[in-house]
Amino acid sequence: MNIALIAHDMKKSIMVDFAIAYKEILKKCNIYATGATGQLVEEATGIKVNKFLPGPMGGDQQIGAMIAENKMDLVIFLRDPLTAQPHEPDILALLRVCDVHSIPLATNLATAEVLIKGLDAGFLEWRDAVK
């Protein structure tokens, strides 16, 4: 499974805590992340993270390209809904491409936990069939 991890600045510490809590599940997957988020997760967990550019510099679009090419299975994007983001069009494009290609997407911690537990339980095995 290929999983993308993205977190806005105010959510990065939550993403790190999430990655630590679910390290045993994540280490069985290929992890991709935008710049700083990837670096923080890799340092905290020791899991190899394939790092893209920072989100505002095109990292969101790089992940979106993988989704469009059916190379991403799950996206966990901890968004900060209370802070304006200068690259909001890129964020909306990423959310849209997940919907277009039926890629499971979590934008908050509660949904991220449901999806990661579902992954562990085998509920995302259907992704293997569509590849």
N, C-alpha and C. Protein backbone atom coordinates (compact mmCIF):
# COMPACT_ATOMS: atom_id res chain seq x y z
N MET A 1 0.83 -1.19 0.00
CA MET A 1 0.00 0.00 0.00
C MET A 1 0.87 1.25 0.00
N ASN A 2 0.52 2.19 -0.83
CA ASN A 2 1.18 3.48 -0.87
C ASN A 2 0.31 4.49 -0.13
N ILE A 3 0.88 5.12 0.87
CA ILE A 3 0.14 6.06 1.71
C ILE A 3 0.83 7.42 1.65
N ALA A 4 0.04 8.48 1.45
CA ALA A 4 0.56 9.84 1.48
C ALA A 4 0.20 10.49 2.82
N LEU A 5 1.19 11.14 3.43
CA LEU A 5 0.99 11.88 4.67
C LEU A 5 1.28 13.35 4.40
N ILE A 6 0.32 14.18 4.71
CA ILE A 6 0.46 15.63 4.52
C ILE A 6 -0.11 16.28 5.77
N ALA A 7 0.55 17.33 6.25
CA ALA A 7 0.02 18.04 7.42
C ALA A 7 0.38 19.52 7.33
N HIS A 8 -0.61 20.36 7.54
CA HIS A 8 -0.33 21.79 7.63
C HIS A 8 0.49 22.06 8.89
N ASP A 9 1.13 23.20 8.93
CA ASP A 9 2.08 23.51 10.00
C ASP A 9 1.51 23.28 11.40
N MET A 10 0.29 23.72 11.64
CA MET A 10 -0.31 23.58 12.96
C MET A 10 -0.75 22.15 13.28
N LYS A 11 -0.64 21.25 12.31
CA LYS A 11 -1.04 19.86 12.49
C LYS A 11 0.13 18.88 12.41
N LYS A 12 1.33 19.39 12.20
CA LYS A 12 2.50 18.51 12.04
C LYS A 12 2.77 17.68 13.30
N SER A 13 2.64 18.27 14.46
CA SER A 13 2.90 17.50 15.69
C SER A 13 1.86 16.40 15.86
N ILE A 14 0.64 16.65 15.45
CA ILE A 14 -0.40 15.62 15.51
C ILE A 14 -0.07 14.49 14.53
N MET A 15 0.43 14.85 13.35
CA MET A 15 0.81 13.82 12.37
C MET A 15 1.95 12.97 12.90
N VAL A 16 2.91 13.60 13.55
CA VAL A 16 4.03 12.85 14.13
C VAL A 16 3.51 11.88 15.20
N ASP A 17 2.65 12.37 16.07
CA ASP A 17 2.07 11.50 17.10
C ASP A 17 1.29 10.34 16.47
N PHE A 18 0.54 10.63 15.41
CA PHE A 18 -0.21 9.61 14.69
C PHE A 18 0.73 8.55 14.13
N ALA A 19 1.81 9.00 13.49
CA ALA A 19 2.78 8.07 12.88
C ALA A 19 3.46 7.21 13.94
N ILE A 20 3.75 7.79 15.08
CA ILE A 20 4.35 7.01 16.17
C ILE A 20 3.34 5.97 16.68
N ALA A 21 2.10 6.39 16.87
CA ALA A 21 1.08 5.49 17.39
C ALA A 21 0.80 4.33 16.44
N TYR A 22 0.88 4.57 15.15
CA TYR A 22 0.55 3.53 14.16
C TYR A 22 1.78 3.09 13.36
N LYS A 23 2.93 3.21 13.98
CA LYS A 23 4.19 2.85 13.33
C LYS A 23 4.18 1.43 12.80
N GLU A 24 3.65 0.49 13.57
CA GLU A 24 3.67 -0.92 13.17
C GLU A 24 2.85 -1.15 11.90
N ILE A 25 1.80 -0.39 11.70
CA ILE A 25 1.01 -0.51 10.48
C ILE A 25 1.72 0.23 9.34
N LEU A 26 2.19 1.43 9.61
CA LEU A 26 2.81 2.24 8.57
C LEU A 26 4.09 1.62 8.01
N LYS A 27 4.85 0.93 8.86
CA LYS A 27 6.12 0.39 8.38
C LYS A 27 5.93 -0.74 7.37
N LYS A 28 4.72 -1.27 7.26
CA LYS A 28 4.41 -2.30 6.26
C LYS A 28 4.06 -1.69 4.90
N CYS A 29 4.00 -0.36 4.84
CA CYS A 29 3.55 0.35 3.64
C CYS A 29 4.68 1.20 3.06
N ASN A 30 4.45 1.68 1.85
CA ASN A 30 5.33 2.68 1.26
C ASN A 30 4.76 4.04 1.64
N ILE A 31 5.55 4.83 2.35
CA ILE A 31 5.08 6.11 2.84
C ILE A 31 5.65 7.24 1.98
N TYR A 32 4.78 8.14 1.58
CA TYR A 32 5.14 9.33 0.82
C TYR A 32 4.65 10.52 1.62
N ALA A 33 5.35 11.63 1.53
CA ALA A 33 4.91 12.81 2.28
C ALA A 33 5.48 14.07 1.64
N THR A 34 4.83 15.17 1.94
CA THR A 34 5.38 16.45 1.55
C THR A 34 6.56 16.76 2.46
N GLY A 35 7.44 17.64 2.00
CA GLY A 35 8.71 17.98 2.62
C GLY A 35 8.89 17.85 4.12
N ALA A 36 8.51 18.88 4.85
CA ALA A 36 8.77 18.91 6.29
C ALA A 36 8.01 17.82 7.03
N THR A 37 6.80 17.53 6.61
CA THR A 37 6.03 16.46 7.25
C THR A 37 6.77 15.14 7.14
N GLY A 38 7.26 14.84 5.95
CA GLY A 38 8.01 13.61 5.73
C GLY A 38 9.25 13.53 6.59
N GLN A 39 9.97 14.63 6.69
CA GLN A 39 11.20 14.65 7.49
C GLN A 39 10.89 14.40 8.96
N LEU A 40 9.86 15.05 9.47
CA LEU A 40 9.48 14.89 10.88
C LEU A 40 9.03 13.47 11.18
N VAL A 41 8.23 12.89 10.30
CA VAL A 41 7.74 11.52 10.50
C VAL A 41 8.90 10.53 10.44
N GLU A 42 9.79 10.71 9.49
CA GLU A 42 10.93 9.82 9.35
C GLU A 42 11.83 9.87 10.59
N GLU A 43 12.10 11.07 11.08
CA GLU A 43 12.94 11.22 12.27
C GLU A 43 12.29 10.62 13.52
N ALA A 44 10.98 10.77 13.64
CA ALA A 44 10.28 10.30 14.84
C ALA A 44 10.06 8.80 14.85
N THR A 45 9.95 8.19 13.67
CA THR A 45 9.58 6.77 13.61
C THR A 45 10.68 5.86 13.09
N GLY A 46 11.62 6.42 12.35
CA GLY A 46 12.64 5.60 11.70
C GLY A 46 12.14 4.91 10.45
N ILE A 47 10.90 5.19 10.06
CA ILE A 47 10.33 4.62 8.83
C ILE A 47 10.85 5.43 7.64
N LYS A 48 11.25 4.74 6.58
CA LYS A 48 11.68 5.42 5.36
C LYS A 48 10.48 6.14 4.74
N VAL A 49 10.66 7.43 4.49
CA VAL A 49 9.60 8.24 3.89
C VAL A 49 10.12 8.81 2.58
N ASN A 50 9.36 8.58 1.52
CA ASN A 50 9.67 9.18 0.22
C ASN A 50 9.15 10.60 0.26
N LYS A 51 10.06 11.55 0.25
CA LYS A 51 9.68 12.95 0.46
C LYS A 51 9.57 13.71 -0.86
N PHE A 52 8.48 14.45 -1.00
CA PHE A 52 8.26 15.34 -2.12
C PHE A 52 8.60 16.76 -1.69
N LEU A 53 8.36 17.69 -2.56
CA LEU A 53 8.55 19.11 -2.24
C LEU A 53 7.57 19.51 -1.13
N PRO A 54 7.82 20.62 -0.45
CA PRO A 54 6.81 21.13 0.49
C PRO A 54 5.51 21.38 -0.27
N GLY A 55 4.39 21.28 0.43
CA GLY A 55 3.09 21.48 -0.20
C GLY A 55 2.98 22.74 -1.05
N PRO A 56 3.31 23.92 -0.48
CA PRO A 56 3.18 25.16 -1.25
C PRO A 56 4.12 25.25 -2.46
N MET A 57 5.14 24.40 -2.48
CA MET A 57 6.11 24.43 -3.58
C MET A 57 5.82 23.37 -4.64
N GLY A 58 4.69 22.65 -4.50
CA GLY A 58 4.30 21.66 -5.50
C GLY A 58 4.17 20.25 -4.98
N GLY A 59 4.46 20.02 -3.70
CA GLY A 59 4.36 18.67 -3.14
C GLY A 59 2.96 18.10 -3.21
N ASP A 60 1.95 18.93 -2.97
CA ASP A 60 0.56 18.48 -3.09
C ASP A 60 0.29 17.99 -4.51
N GLN A 61 0.81 18.72 -5.47
CA GLN A 61 0.60 18.35 -6.88
C GLN A 61 1.35 17.07 -7.24
N GLN A 62 2.53 16.86 -6.65
CA GLN A 62 3.26 15.63 -6.91
C GLN A 62 2.47 14.42 -6.40
N ILE A 63 1.88 14.55 -5.23
CA ILE A 63 1.04 13.47 -4.70
C ILE A 63 -0.20 13.31 -5.57
N GLY A 64 -0.78 14.42 -5.99
CA GLY A 64 -1.94 14.36 -6.89
C GLY A 64 -1.63 13.63 -8.18
N ALA A 65 -0.43 13.80 -8.70
CA ALA A 65 -0.04 13.09 -9.93
C ALA A 65 0.01 11.58 -9.68
N MET A 66 0.51 11.16 -8.53
CA MET A 66 0.52 9.73 -8.21
C MET A 66 -0.91 9.18 -8.11
N ILE A 67 -1.80 9.97 -7.54
CA ILE A 67 -3.20 9.55 -7.44
C ILE A 67 -3.79 9.38 -8.84
N ALA A 68 -3.55 10.36 -9.71
CA ALA A 68 -4.09 10.32 -11.07
C ALA A 68 -3.55 9.12 -11.85
N GLU A 69 -2.36 8.67 -11.51
CA GLU A 69 -1.74 7.52 -12.17
C GLU A 69 -2.04 6.20 -11.45
N ASN A 70 -2.97 6.23 -10.49
CA ASN A 70 -3.37 5.05 -9.71
C ASN A 70 -2.19 4.44 -8.95
N LYS A 71 -1.32 5.30 -8.42
CA LYS A 71 -0.15 4.83 -7.68
C LYS A 71 -0.21 5.20 -6.20
N MET A 72 -1.35 5.70 -5.75
CA MET A 72 -1.51 6.05 -4.34
C MET A 72 -2.80 5.39 -3.85
N ASP A 73 -2.72 4.77 -2.66
CA ASP A 73 -3.87 4.02 -2.16
C ASP A 73 -4.64 4.70 -1.05
N LEU A 74 -4.00 5.62 -0.35
CA LEU A 74 -4.63 6.24 0.82
C LEU A 74 -3.92 7.57 1.07
N VAL A 75 -4.70 8.60 1.39
CA VAL A 75 -4.13 9.91 1.70
C VAL A 75 -4.61 10.34 3.07
N ILE A 76 -3.67 10.71 3.91
CA ILE A 76 -3.98 11.30 5.22
C ILE A 76 -3.45 12.72 5.18
N PHE A 77 -4.35 13.67 5.14
CA PHE A 77 -4.01 15.08 4.99
C PHE A 77 -4.62 15.83 6.16
N LEU A 78 -3.83 16.04 7.20
CA LEU A 78 -4.32 16.76 8.38
C LEU A 78 -4.30 18.26 8.07
N ARG A 79 -5.47 18.76 7.72
CA ARG A 79 -5.62 20.15 7.31
C ARG A 79 -5.89 21.04 8.50
N ASP A 80 -5.48 22.28 8.38
CA ASP A 80 -5.78 23.29 9.39
C ASP A 80 -6.88 24.18 8.83
N PRO A 81 -8.13 23.93 9.20
CA PRO A 81 -9.24 24.70 8.62
C PRO A 81 -9.34 26.12 9.16
N LEU A 82 -8.55 26.44 10.17
CA LEU A 82 -8.65 27.77 10.79
C LEU A 82 -7.58 28.74 10.30
N THR A 83 -6.70 28.28 9.43
CA THR A 83 -5.63 29.14 8.92
C THR A 83 -5.70 29.19 7.40
N ALA A 84 -5.70 30.41 6.85
CA ALA A 84 -5.71 30.56 5.40
C ALA A 84 -4.41 30.00 4.82
N GLN A 85 -4.53 29.26 3.73
CA GLN A 85 -3.36 28.66 3.09
C GLN A 85 -3.14 29.35 1.74
N PRO A 86 -1.93 29.82 1.48
CA PRO A 86 -1.67 30.52 0.21
C PRO A 86 -1.80 29.62 -1.01
N HIS A 87 -1.69 28.32 -0.82
CA HIS A 87 -1.80 27.39 -1.95
C HIS A 87 -3.13 26.62 -1.91
N GLU A 88 -4.18 27.31 -1.47
CA GLU A 88 -5.51 26.69 -1.35
C GLU A 88 -5.98 26.04 -2.66
N PRO A 89 -5.73 26.63 -3.83
CA PRO A 89 -6.15 25.95 -5.07
C PRO A 89 -5.49 24.57 -5.24
N ASP A 90 -4.23 24.45 -4.83
CA ASP A 90 -3.55 23.16 -4.92
C ASP A 90 -4.18 22.15 -3.96
N ILE A 91 -4.55 22.61 -2.78
CA ILE A 91 -5.19 21.75 -1.79
C ILE A 91 -6.52 21.23 -2.32
N LEU A 92 -7.32 22.15 -2.86
CA LEU A 92 -8.61 21.74 -3.41
C LEU A 92 -8.45 20.79 -4.58
N ALA A 93 -7.42 20.99 -5.39
CA ALA A 93 -7.15 20.08 -6.51
C ALA A 93 -6.81 18.69 -6.00
N LEU A 94 -6.04 18.62 -4.92
CA LEU A 94 -5.68 17.32 -4.34
C LEU A 94 -6.92 16.61 -3.80
N LEU A 95 -7.77 17.33 -3.10
CA LEU A 95 -9.00 16.73 -2.58
C LEU A 95 -9.89 16.25 -3.73
N ARG A 96 -9.95 17.05 -4.78
CA ARG A 96 -10.76 16.69 -5.95
C ARG A 96 -10.24 15.42 -6.62
N VAL A 97 -8.93 15.33 -6.82
CA VAL A 97 -8.38 14.16 -7.51
C VAL A 97 -8.59 12.90 -6.68
N CYS A 98 -8.59 13.01 -5.36
CA CYS A 98 -8.93 11.85 -4.52
C CYS A 98 -10.36 11.42 -4.78
N ASP A 99 -11.27 12.37 -4.86
CA ASP A 99 -12.67 12.04 -5.13
C ASP A 99 -12.85 11.45 -6.53
N VAL A 100 -12.20 12.04 -7.53
CA VAL A 100 -12.32 11.56 -8.90
C VAL A 100 -11.86 10.11 -9.03
N HIS A 101 -10.79 9.76 -8.32
CA HIS A 101 -10.20 8.43 -8.45
C HIS A 101 -10.54 7.49 -7.28
N SER A 102 -11.50 7.89 -6.46
CA SER A 102 -11.97 7.07 -5.32
C SER A 102 -10.83 6.62 -4.42
N ILE A 103 -9.99 7.56 -4.04
CA ILE A 103 -8.90 7.28 -3.11
C ILE A 103 -9.35 7.67 -1.71
N PRO A 104 -9.30 6.75 -0.76
CA PRO A 104 -9.68 7.08 0.61
C PRO A 104 -8.84 8.25 1.13
N LEU A 105 -9.52 9.22 1.74
CA LEU A 105 -8.89 10.47 2.17
C LEU A 105 -9.38 10.84 3.56
N ALA A 106 -8.42 11.08 4.45
CA ALA A 106 -8.74 11.60 5.79
C ALA A 106 -8.21 13.01 5.87
N THR A 107 -9.03 13.93 6.35
CA THR A 107 -8.57 15.31 6.53
C THR A 107 -8.53 15.72 8.00
N ASN A 108 -8.79 14.77 8.88
CA ASN A 108 -8.70 15.05 10.32
C ASN A 108 -8.28 13.77 11.03
N LEU A 109 -7.87 13.90 12.26
CA LEU A 109 -7.32 12.78 13.02
C LEU A 109 -8.34 11.65 13.21
N ALA A 110 -9.58 11.98 13.46
CA ALA A 110 -10.59 10.94 13.70
C ALA A 110 -10.74 10.04 12.47
N THR A 111 -10.83 10.63 11.30
CA THR A 111 -10.98 9.85 10.07
C THR A 111 -9.68 9.11 9.75
N ALA A 112 -8.56 9.72 10.04
CA ALA A 112 -7.27 9.06 9.80
C ALA A 112 -7.18 7.77 10.61
N GLU A 113 -7.63 7.82 11.86
CA GLU A 113 -7.58 6.62 12.70
C GLU A 113 -8.51 5.54 12.17
N VAL A 114 -9.68 5.91 11.71
CA VAL A 114 -10.60 4.93 11.14
C VAL A 114 -9.97 4.28 9.91
N LEU A 115 -9.38 5.09 9.04
CA LEU A 115 -8.79 4.53 7.82
C LEU A 115 -7.58 3.65 8.11
N ILE A 116 -6.72 4.06 9.03
CA ILE A 116 -5.52 3.25 9.31
C ILE A 116 -5.91 1.93 9.97
N LYS A 117 -6.92 1.96 10.83
CA LYS A 117 -7.40 0.71 11.44
C LYS A 117 -8.10 -0.16 10.40
N GLY A 118 -8.79 0.46 9.47
CA GLY A 118 -9.40 -0.28 8.37
C GLY A 118 -8.35 -0.91 7.48
N LEU A 119 -7.28 -0.19 7.23
CA LEU A 119 -6.16 -0.73 6.46
C LEU A 119 -5.61 -1.97 7.15
N ASP A 120 -5.39 -1.86 8.44
CA ASP A 120 -4.84 -2.97 9.22
C ASP A 120 -5.78 -4.18 9.22
N ALA A 121 -7.07 -3.93 9.18
CA ALA A 121 -8.06 -5.01 9.20
C ALA A 121 -8.28 -5.61 7.80
N GLY A 122 -7.66 -5.02 6.78
CA GLY A 122 -7.79 -5.56 5.43
C GLY A 122 -8.91 -4.94 4.61
N PHE A 123 -9.51 -3.87 5.09
CA PHE A 123 -10.65 -3.27 4.38
C PHE A 123 -10.24 -2.49 3.13
N LEU A 124 -8.95 -2.30 2.91
CA LEU A 124 -8.51 -1.59 1.71
C LEU A 124 -7.88 -2.54 0.68
N GLU A 125 -8.05 -3.83 0.86
CA GLU A 125 -7.48 -4.79 -0.09
C GLU A 125 -8.07 -4.64 -1.48
N TRP A 126 -9.25 -4.02 -1.60
CA TRP A 126 -9.83 -3.77 -2.91
C TRP A 126 -8.92 -2.93 -3.78
N ARG A 127 -8.03 -2.13 -3.16
CA ARG A 127 -7.10 -1.31 -3.94
C ARG A 127 -6.16 -2.19 -4.77
N ASP A 128 -5.81 -3.37 -4.25
CA ASP A 128 -4.94 -4.28 -5.01
C ASP A 128 -5.61 -4.72 -6.31
N ALA A 129 -6.91 -4.87 -6.28
CA ALA A 129 -7.65 -5.32 -7.47
C ALA A 129 -7.74 -4.25 -8.55
N VAL A 130 -7.68 -2.97 -8.17
CA VAL A 130 -7.81 -1.91 -9.17
C VAL A 130 -6.47 -1.46 -9.74
N LYS A 131 -5.39 -2.05 -9.27
CA LYS A 131 -4.06 -1.68 -9.79
C LYS A 131 -3.72 -2.49 -11.01
